[in-house]
Amino acid sequence: MTRDQAQQLGDRHPNDPRPPQPLTRHFQHITQQARALDRHHPLLWDLLVTGFFVTAALIDYTSGGWKNVTENPTLPGRLILTLSLGLSVPLLWRRTHPFAVVLTMVPSAFVNAWTGALLQAALIMLVALFNVALRTHLRTLLWSYALAVAPFVVVAFRYPAEQGPDQSVAPPAMSLAFSAVIGIAVRTRQEYLASLVERARQLEVERDQQLQLAAAAERARIAREMHDIIGHNLSVITGLADGGRYAATKNPDRATQALDAIATTSRQALAELRRLLDVLREEPEPTAELAPQPSLTDIDHLIAGVRAAGLPVHTTILGNGPLPPGRQLTVYRIIQEALTNTLKHGGPGATAEVVMSYEASGAVTVTVTDTGRGTPAPVNGGRGLPGMRERTALYGGTLEAGPLPHPHQGWRVHLHLPEEIPQ
């Protein structure tokens, strides 16, 4: 929301569905043009406003109109000219130093009251007090109001016969108070518009931040999925290729089986990559087949592929219980990552065991151990273990990964997902 839009909104109630009338639109257009001139040429606007009041005061002096209301028509013209300028010229600084303008005009106002000149230029004090209310604190406004009313009190006591307090004090005091109230109202409206503009700016910043956070989370999710898909399937393919190479000279049939398994695993990896990349397309092809994410029903297929790659895996499932799709994907990916790390780092002759236990409360526990004697999976490097911990943290679970205690050799990954609390 721009400043002009906020100002247009402030011209009528936000919940008012009625469009503005032609006269209102015309007035808004003129007001916006004046504000634009004020913003781009503030000094020119100040000169125009001050020039208007100076001209009005000089016309009152040159035409002799001040003699119609004065108490002393014999006052010298030089004094009248000085008072006219003293009550009008200070308005040039009404926006930068409003209280100083009042202090500068008050002496001329007192002389005007004491001598009985009673120039109409004294009413310019209304404009000065308006600017004080618009731009300063309440205490300053009260002092300015008292100083502005004081000259009219002097008139009441100086010329009690001609103009008593009812005529010389009450009307000007009410007019000055009304001017101050208008200044406060305008200031309140300006602060309200400023709050609308600031709120719109904050909403834009929050929107951009939310978009950045969402993009970062999506990138992290895609990176996790890519790591799980590519890392696991390439590890299986590598194991199959090594086994097929050793079996090629002694057992061609086993080599052929290894090649078939490599082709199957490669097609599976390509299919999963296509499903993942289809998410990134703005307009996915209507003929694209959208397969579901892996779940616990795919565990047997996963373990069969790992066994085909040369890693013996023993599985134990205790209990049975339904899990939401998100939790199934987390369990599947963590088992996949643990077995992949065993393929990579377990070394020759390694075996693995997967124990999955369902609890009556709805919690699930998974333990994957191996007997590998090779280099263990890095704890602080790579994306495997950090990705496993991120997936676990999404459901408030705990993940432990590390080597088995001495004298045992191997690696252990222990996952616990607690009972899901209904929202």
Protein backbone atom coordinates (compact mmCIF):
# COMPACT_ATOMS: atom_id res chain seq x y z
CA MET A 1 0.00 0.00 0.00
CA THR A 2 1.43 3.37 -1.02
CA ARG A 3 1.04 6.60 0.90
CA ASP A 4 -1.47 7.95 -1.61
CA GLN A 5 -3.53 4.77 -1.35
CA ALA A 6 -3.48 4.99 2.43
CA GLN A 7 -4.60 8.61 2.24
CA GLN A 8 -7.44 7.66 -0.07
CA LEU A 9 -8.43 4.94 2.39
CA GLY A 10 -8.35 7.46 5.21
CA ASP A 11 -10.75 9.76 3.36
CA ARG A 12 -13.61 7.31 4.01
CA HIS A 13 -14.34 4.44 6.34
CA PRO A 14 -12.51 1.19 5.38
CA ASN A 15 -15.75 -0.83 5.67
CA ASP A 16 -17.80 1.56 3.56
CA PRO A 17 -18.61 -0.26 0.28
CA ARG A 18 -20.09 2.81 -1.39
CA PRO A 19 -17.93 4.51 -4.03
CA PRO A 20 -17.13 8.18 -3.41
CA GLN A 21 -19.45 10.76 -4.93
CA PRO A 22 -18.23 12.92 -7.87
CA LEU A 23 -17.82 15.97 -5.65
CA THR A 24 -15.86 13.89 -3.14
CA ARG A 25 -13.62 12.50 -5.89
CA HIS A 26 -13.00 15.99 -7.18
CA PHE A 27 -12.09 17.22 -3.71
CA GLN A 28 -9.80 14.23 -3.19
CA HIS A 29 -8.09 14.95 -6.51
CA ILE A 30 -7.43 18.56 -5.55
CA THR A 31 -6.21 17.50 -2.10
CA GLN A 32 -3.81 14.97 -3.59
CA GLN A 33 -2.41 17.56 -5.98
CA ALA A 34 -1.85 19.96 -3.10
CA ARG A 35 -0.13 17.24 -1.08
CA ALA A 36 2.05 16.34 -4.04
CA LEU A 37 3.09 19.98 -4.42
CA ASP A 38 3.81 20.14 -0.70
CA ARG A 39 5.95 16.97 -0.79
CA HIS A 40 7.98 17.92 -3.84
CA HIS A 41 8.29 21.68 -3.21
CA PRO A 42 7.79 22.35 0.51
CA LEU A 43 9.48 25.77 0.43
CA LEU A 44 7.29 26.91 -2.46
CA TRP A 45 4.19 25.84 -0.55
CA ASP A 46 5.35 27.68 2.58
CA LEU A 47 5.99 30.83 0.53
CA LEU A 48 2.54 30.62 -1.04
CA VAL A 49 0.75 30.22 2.32
CA THR A 50 2.80 32.90 4.03
CA GLY A 51 2.45 35.22 1.04
CA PHE A 52 -1.32 34.89 1.18
CA PHE A 53 -1.53 36.03 4.82
CA VAL A 54 1.10 38.75 4.38
CA THR A 55 -0.85 40.11 1.42
CA ALA A 56 -4.11 40.07 3.40
CA ALA A 57 -2.44 41.95 6.29
CA LEU A 58 -0.92 44.56 3.95
CA ILE A 59 -4.25 45.09 2.18
CA ASP A 60 -5.83 45.80 5.58
CA TYR A 61 -3.06 48.34 6.21
CA THR A 62 -2.97 50.07 2.82
CA SER A 63 -6.75 50.28 2.44
CA GLY A 64 -7.23 51.74 5.91
CA GLY A 65 -9.64 48.98 6.85
CA TRP A 66 -7.98 48.63 10.25
CA LYS A 67 -9.39 52.08 11.21
CA ASN A 68 -12.92 50.65 11.20
CA VAL A 69 -12.21 48.46 14.26
CA THR A 70 -9.31 50.21 15.95
CA GLU A 71 -9.60 51.98 19.31
CA ASN A 72 -6.98 54.54 18.27
CA PRO A 73 -7.19 55.65 14.61
CA THR A 74 -4.35 58.16 15.12
CA LEU A 75 -1.69 55.49 15.37
CA PRO A 76 1.25 56.06 12.97
CA GLY A 77 1.25 54.04 9.77
CA ARG A 78 4.80 52.83 10.42
CA LEU A 79 3.60 51.06 13.58
CA ILE A 80 0.66 49.50 11.76
CA LEU A 81 2.97 48.23 9.00
CA THR A 82 5.39 46.77 11.54
CA LEU A 83 2.60 45.03 13.42
CA SER A 84 1.09 43.65 10.19
CA LEU A 85 4.42 42.13 9.16
CA GLY A 86 5.19 40.89 12.68
CA LEU A 87 1.87 39.02 12.80
CA SER A 88 2.19 37.40 9.34
CA VAL A 89 5.82 36.92 8.19
CA PRO A 90 6.76 34.40 10.96
CA LEU A 91 4.32 31.93 9.41
CA LEU A 92 7.10 31.02 6.96
CA TRP A 93 8.64 28.85 9.71
CA ARG A 94 5.36 27.48 11.06
CA ARG A 95 6.22 23.85 10.18
CA THR A 96 9.86 23.72 11.24
CA HIS A 97 9.59 25.84 14.41
CA PRO A 98 5.88 26.21 15.31
CA PHE A 99 6.37 27.21 18.95
CA ALA A 100 9.06 29.73 17.99
CA VAL A 101 6.59 31.28 15.54
CA VAL A 102 4.08 31.75 18.39
CA LEU A 103 6.76 33.32 20.58
CA THR A 104 7.72 35.67 17.72
CA MET A 105 4.12 36.74 17.07
CA VAL A 106 3.12 37.24 20.73
CA PRO A 107 5.05 40.54 21.22
CA SER A 108 3.36 42.04 18.17
CA ALA A 109 0.02 40.74 19.46
CA PHE A 110 0.58 42.42 22.86
CA VAL A 111 1.54 45.73 21.22
CA ASN A 112 -1.48 45.42 18.96
CA ALA A 113 -3.71 44.96 22.01
CA TRP A 114 -2.08 47.61 24.22
CA THR A 115 -2.10 50.36 21.59
CA GLY A 116 -5.69 49.59 20.56
CA ALA A 117 -4.78 48.95 16.93
CA LEU A 118 -6.75 45.68 17.03
CA LEU A 119 -5.52 44.57 13.61
CA GLN A 120 -7.31 41.67 11.97
CA ALA A 121 -3.86 40.17 11.36
CA ALA A 122 -3.94 39.05 14.99
CA LEU A 123 -6.28 36.27 13.88
CA ILE A 124 -3.34 34.72 12.02
CA MET A 125 -2.47 33.36 15.44
CA LEU A 126 -5.11 30.70 14.68
CA VAL A 127 -2.87 29.28 11.95
CA ALA A 128 0.17 29.33 14.22
CA LEU A 129 -1.70 27.54 17.00
CA PHE A 130 -3.00 24.96 14.51
CA ASN A 131 0.58 24.09 13.56
CA VAL A 132 1.61 23.86 17.20
CA ALA A 133 -1.19 21.33 17.81
CA LEU A 134 -0.21 19.48 14.66
CA ARG A 135 3.51 19.12 15.39
CA THR A 136 4.33 19.51 19.09
CA HIS A 137 3.50 18.05 22.49
CA LEU A 138 0.45 18.78 24.61
CA ARG A 139 2.40 20.86 27.13
CA THR A 140 3.74 23.09 24.36
CA LEU A 141 0.22 23.43 22.97
CA LEU A 142 -1.14 24.55 26.35
CA TRP A 143 1.59 27.17 26.72
CA SER A 144 0.97 28.40 23.18
CA TYR A 145 -2.77 28.63 23.81
CA ALA A 146 -2.21 30.68 26.98
CA LEU A 147 0.15 33.05 25.16
CA ALA A 148 -2.28 33.44 22.27
CA VAL A 149 -5.24 34.27 24.57
CA ALA A 150 -3.26 36.70 26.77
CA PRO A 151 -3.35 39.68 24.28
CA PHE A 152 -7.16 39.49 24.15
CA VAL A 153 -7.25 39.62 27.95
CA VAL A 154 -5.15 42.79 27.72
CA VAL A 155 -7.75 44.31 25.36
CA ALA A 156 -10.52 43.48 27.83
CA PHE A 157 -8.78 45.28 30.68
CA ARG A 158 -7.29 48.06 28.53
CA TYR A 159 -10.61 49.05 26.95
CA PRO A 160 -13.33 47.78 29.27
CA ALA A 161 -15.90 50.37 28.20
CA GLU A 162 -15.78 49.66 24.48
CA GLN A 163 -15.18 45.89 24.60
CA GLY A 164 -15.79 43.88 27.74
CA PRO A 165 -14.53 40.35 28.46
CA ASP A 166 -17.59 38.78 26.84
CA GLN A 167 -16.72 40.33 23.48
CA SER A 168 -12.93 40.57 23.54
CA VAL A 169 -11.92 37.31 25.31
CA ALA A 170 -14.58 34.62 24.96
CA PRO A 171 -14.94 34.53 21.13
CA PRO A 172 -11.17 34.58 20.39
CA ALA A 173 -10.53 31.99 23.11
CA MET A 174 -13.15 29.68 21.61
CA SER A 175 -11.76 30.22 18.10
CA LEU A 176 -8.22 29.43 19.26
CA ALA A 177 -9.44 26.31 21.06
CA PHE A 178 -11.31 25.20 17.94
CA SER A 179 -8.15 25.71 15.86
CA ALA A 180 -6.16 23.58 18.32
CA VAL A 181 -8.81 20.83 18.19
CA ILE A 182 -8.66 20.80 14.39
CA GLY A 183 -4.88 20.49 14.55
CA ILE A 184 -5.16 17.55 16.94
CA ALA A 185 -7.74 15.88 14.67
CA VAL A 186 -5.55 16.30 11.60
CA ARG A 187 -2.55 14.98 13.50
CA THR A 188 -4.54 11.93 14.64
CA ARG A 189 -5.58 11.21 11.08
CA GLN A 190 -2.00 11.55 9.82
CA GLU A 191 -0.73 9.17 12.49
CA TYR A 192 -3.49 6.72 11.56
CA LEU A 193 -2.47 6.86 7.89
CA ALA A 194 1.17 6.45 8.85
CA SER A 195 0.25 3.37 10.89
CA LEU A 196 -1.59 1.93 7.87
CA VAL A 197 1.45 2.47 5.66
CA GLU A 198 3.77 0.94 8.26
CA ARG A 199 1.44 -2.00 8.74
CA ALA A 200 1.34 -2.58 4.98
CA ARG A 201 5.15 -2.44 4.88
CA GLN A 202 5.41 -4.94 7.74
CA LEU A 203 2.96 -7.27 6.02
CA GLU A 204 5.04 -7.13 2.84
CA VAL A 205 8.20 -7.90 4.82
CA GLU A 206 6.48 -10.78 6.64
CA ARG A 207 5.14 -12.11 3.35
CA ASP A 208 8.61 -12.04 1.79
CA GLN A 209 10.08 -13.73 4.85
CA GLN A 210 7.42 -16.44 4.79
CA LEU A 211 8.12 -17.04 1.11
CA GLN A 212 11.86 -17.28 1.79
CA LEU A 213 11.31 -19.69 4.69
CA ALA A 214 8.94 -21.80 2.61
CA ALA A 215 11.43 -21.87 -0.27
CA ALA A 216 14.27 -22.85 2.09
CA ALA A 217 12.17 -25.61 3.65
CA GLU A 218 11.21 -26.90 0.21
CA ARG A 219 14.84 -26.88 -0.92
CA ALA A 220 15.83 -28.80 2.20
CA ARG A 221 13.05 -31.33 1.62
CA ILE A 222 14.02 -31.83 -2.01
CA ALA A 223 17.69 -32.15 -1.06
CA ARG A 224 16.74 -34.82 1.51
CA GLU A 225 14.67 -36.76 -0.99
CA MET A 226 17.36 -36.50 -3.67
CA HIS A 227 19.98 -37.72 -1.23
CA ASP A 228 17.83 -40.65 -0.13
CA ILE A 229 16.90 -41.67 -3.67
CA ILE A 230 20.26 -41.24 -5.38
CA GLY A 231 22.43 -42.32 -2.45
CA HIS A 232 20.56 -45.53 -1.77
CA ASN A 233 20.03 -46.63 -5.36
CA LEU A 234 23.59 -45.83 -6.47
CA SER A 235 24.93 -47.79 -3.50
CA VAL A 236 22.79 -50.77 -4.51
CA ILE A 237 23.87 -50.44 -8.14
CA THR A 238 27.53 -50.24 -7.12
CA GLY A 239 27.22 -53.37 -4.98
CA LEU A 240 25.46 -55.23 -7.78
CA ALA A 241 28.07 -54.14 -10.32
CA ASP A 242 30.94 -55.31 -8.11
CA GLY A 243 29.23 -58.64 -7.47
CA GLY A 244 28.48 -59.10 -11.16
CA ARG A 245 32.07 -58.35 -12.11
CA TYR A 246 33.40 -61.02 -9.74
CA ALA A 247 30.79 -63.55 -10.86
CA ALA A 248 31.25 -62.92 -14.59
CA THR A 249 34.19 -65.32 -14.95
CA LYS A 250 32.89 -68.09 -12.66
CA ASN A 251 29.11 -67.92 -12.83
CA PRO A 252 27.69 -66.07 -15.88
CA ASP A 253 24.14 -66.68 -14.69
CA ARG A 254 24.77 -64.76 -11.48
CA ALA A 255 26.31 -61.96 -13.53
CA THR A 256 23.18 -61.82 -15.68
CA GLN A 257 21.02 -61.66 -12.56
CA ALA A 258 23.17 -58.80 -11.25
CA LEU A 259 22.72 -56.89 -14.51
CA ASP A 260 18.95 -57.43 -14.38
CA ALA A 261 18.92 -56.17 -10.79
CA ILE A 262 20.96 -53.13 -11.83
CA ALA A 263 18.47 -52.34 -14.59
CA THR A 264 15.51 -52.71 -12.20
CA THR A 265 17.12 -50.54 -9.55
CA SER A 266 18.05 -47.90 -12.14
CA ARG A 267 14.51 -47.73 -13.47
CA GLN A 268 13.16 -47.44 -9.93
CA ALA A 269 15.56 -44.58 -9.17
CA LEU A 270 14.63 -42.80 -12.40
CA ALA A 271 10.92 -43.17 -11.63
CA GLU A 272 11.38 -41.70 -8.14
CA LEU A 273 13.47 -38.83 -9.54
CA ARG A 274 10.81 -38.08 -12.13
CA ARG A 275 8.13 -37.96 -9.44
CA LEU A 276 10.27 -35.59 -7.39
CA LEU A 277 11.11 -33.32 -10.32
CA ASP A 278 7.49 -33.20 -11.46
CA VAL A 279 6.74 -31.30 -8.25
CA LEU A 280 9.04 -28.49 -9.43
CA ARG A 281 7.18 -27.98 -12.70
CA GLU A 282 4.80 -25.03 -12.78
CA GLU A 283 2.44 -26.90 -15.12
CA PRO A 284 2.97 -30.66 -14.88
CA GLU A 285 2.12 -32.71 -17.91
CA PRO A 286 -1.42 -34.11 -17.70
CA THR A 287 -0.14 -37.56 -18.74
CA ALA A 288 2.43 -37.74 -15.94
CA GLU A 289 1.75 -40.61 -13.56
CA LEU A 290 1.89 -39.55 -9.92
CA ALA A 291 2.94 -42.47 -7.73
CA PRO A 292 2.66 -42.24 -3.94
CA GLN A 293 5.66 -41.75 -1.68
CA PRO A 294 7.24 -44.94 -0.29
CA SER A 295 5.54 -46.42 2.78
CA LEU A 296 6.11 -49.34 5.14
CA THR A 297 4.49 -51.67 2.62
CA ASP A 298 7.56 -51.08 0.43
CA ILE A 299 10.02 -52.21 3.14
CA ASP A 300 10.17 -55.76 1.76
CA HIS A 301 11.02 -54.46 -1.69
CA LEU A 302 13.70 -52.19 -0.22
CA ILE A 303 15.32 -55.00 1.76
CA ALA A 304 15.16 -57.33 -1.25
CA GLY A 305 17.11 -54.79 -3.26
CA VAL A 306 19.72 -54.45 -0.52
CA ARG A 307 20.07 -58.23 -0.29
CA ALA A 308 20.49 -58.40 -4.05
CA ALA A 309 23.33 -55.88 -3.73
CA GLY A 310 25.18 -58.33 -1.47
CA LEU A 311 24.21 -57.27 2.06
CA PRO A 312 22.45 -59.97 4.11
CA VAL A 313 19.61 -58.37 6.08
CA HIS A 314 17.57 -59.99 8.84
CA THR A 315 14.24 -58.32 9.73
CA THR A 316 12.09 -58.62 12.83
CA ILE A 317 8.70 -56.90 13.16
CA LEU A 318 7.02 -56.88 16.57
CA GLY A 319 3.37 -55.93 16.73
CA ASN A 320 1.33 -54.12 14.15
CA GLY A 321 -0.30 -50.74 14.02
CA PRO A 322 -1.39 -48.17 11.47
CA LEU A 323 0.85 -45.15 11.00
CA PRO A 324 0.08 -41.90 9.16
CA PRO A 325 1.73 -41.58 5.72
CA GLY A 326 4.23 -38.99 6.95
CA ARG A 327 5.47 -41.24 9.75
CA GLN A 328 5.66 -44.21 7.38
CA LEU A 329 7.83 -42.18 5.00
CA THR A 330 10.11 -41.15 7.89
CA VAL A 331 10.58 -44.75 9.06
CA TYR A 332 11.13 -45.93 5.49
CA ARG A 333 13.75 -43.27 4.72
CA ILE A 334 15.68 -43.86 7.95
CA ILE A 335 15.84 -47.61 7.35
CA GLN A 336 16.88 -46.90 3.77
CA GLU A 337 19.62 -44.49 4.88
CA ALA A 338 20.94 -46.87 7.56
CA LEU A 339 21.17 -49.80 5.12
CA THR A 340 22.73 -47.54 2.49
CA ASN A 341 25.44 -46.48 4.95
CA THR A 342 26.12 -50.15 5.70
CA LEU A 343 26.53 -50.83 1.99
CA LYS A 344 28.91 -47.90 1.67
CA HIS A 345 30.98 -48.29 4.81
CA GLY A 346 30.36 -51.78 6.22
CA GLY A 347 33.07 -53.47 4.22
CA PRO A 348 33.14 -57.09 3.00
CA GLY A 349 31.23 -59.67 4.97
CA ALA A 350 28.98 -57.20 6.78
CA THR A 351 25.46 -58.14 7.78
CA ALA A 352 22.56 -56.02 8.99
CA GLU A 353 19.54 -56.50 11.21
CA VAL A 354 16.35 -54.43 11.24
CA VAL A 355 14.04 -54.60 14.28
CA MET A 356 10.79 -52.65 14.13
CA SER A 357 8.44 -52.59 17.12
CA TYR A 358 4.93 -51.13 17.31
CA GLU A 359 3.68 -50.06 20.73
CA ALA A 360 0.06 -50.11 21.85
CA SER A 361 0.10 -46.34 22.39
CA GLY A 362 0.87 -45.73 18.72
CA ALA A 363 4.59 -45.15 19.10
CA VAL A 364 7.09 -47.01 16.92
CA THR A 365 10.72 -47.98 17.49
CA VAL A 366 13.22 -49.02 14.82
CA THR A 367 16.74 -50.33 15.41
CA VAL A 368 19.16 -51.02 12.55
CA THR A 369 22.50 -52.62 13.44
CA ASP A 370 25.28 -54.00 11.31
CA THR A 371 28.51 -55.89 11.77
CA GLY A 372 30.53 -53.74 9.43
CA ARG A 373 34.26 -53.48 9.92
CA GLY A 374 34.86 -50.68 7.46
CA THR A 375 34.97 -46.92 7.96
CA PRO A 376 31.83 -45.81 9.83
CA ALA A 377 29.47 -43.26 8.36
CA PRO A 378 30.56 -39.71 9.18
CA VAL A 379 28.64 -38.17 12.06
CA ASN A 380 29.12 -34.50 11.13
CA GLY A 381 29.69 -34.75 7.39
CA GLY A 382 27.28 -35.38 4.52
CA ARG A 383 23.52 -35.05 4.47
CA GLY A 384 22.53 -38.57 5.55
CA LEU A 385 22.52 -38.35 9.35
CA PRO A 386 21.41 -34.66 9.45
CA GLY A 387 18.53 -35.56 7.15
CA MET A 388 17.55 -38.46 9.41
CA ARG A 389 17.57 -36.18 12.46
CA GLU A 390 15.48 -33.56 10.63
CA ARG A 391 12.88 -36.14 9.68
CA THR A 392 12.78 -37.44 13.26
CA ALA A 393 12.44 -33.94 14.73
CA LEU A 394 9.35 -33.30 12.59
CA TYR A 395 7.44 -35.82 14.71
CA GLY A 396 9.08 -35.10 18.06
CA GLY A 397 11.09 -38.33 18.01
CA THR A 398 14.63 -39.23 19.01
CA LEU A 399 17.42 -40.64 16.87
CA GLU A 400 20.64 -42.24 18.08
CA ALA A 401 23.37 -43.16 15.61
CA GLY A 402 26.87 -44.37 16.45
CA PRO A 403 29.23 -47.31 16.72
CA LEU A 404 28.40 -50.28 18.90
CA PRO A 405 30.14 -50.36 22.29
CA HIS A 406 33.42 -52.27 22.62
CA PRO A 407 34.11 -55.15 22.06
CA HIS A 408 31.36 -55.28 19.44
CA GLN A 409 32.04 -53.98 15.95
CA GLY A 410 29.54 -52.29 13.73
CA TRP A 411 27.08 -49.43 13.68
CA ARG A 412 23.71 -48.86 15.31
CA VAL A 413 20.83 -46.54 14.37
CA HIS A 414 17.96 -46.33 16.86
CA LEU A 415 14.76 -44.41 16.05
CA HIS A 416 11.82 -43.76 18.38
CA LEU A 417 8.71 -41.90 17.30
CA PRO A 418 6.36 -41.19 20.21
CA GLU A 419 2.61 -41.38 20.15
CA GLU A 420 1.07 -38.77 17.89
CA ILE A 421 -0.99 -36.30 19.89
CA PRO A 422 -4.23 -35.29 18.12
CA GLN A 423 -4.40 -31.58 17.30
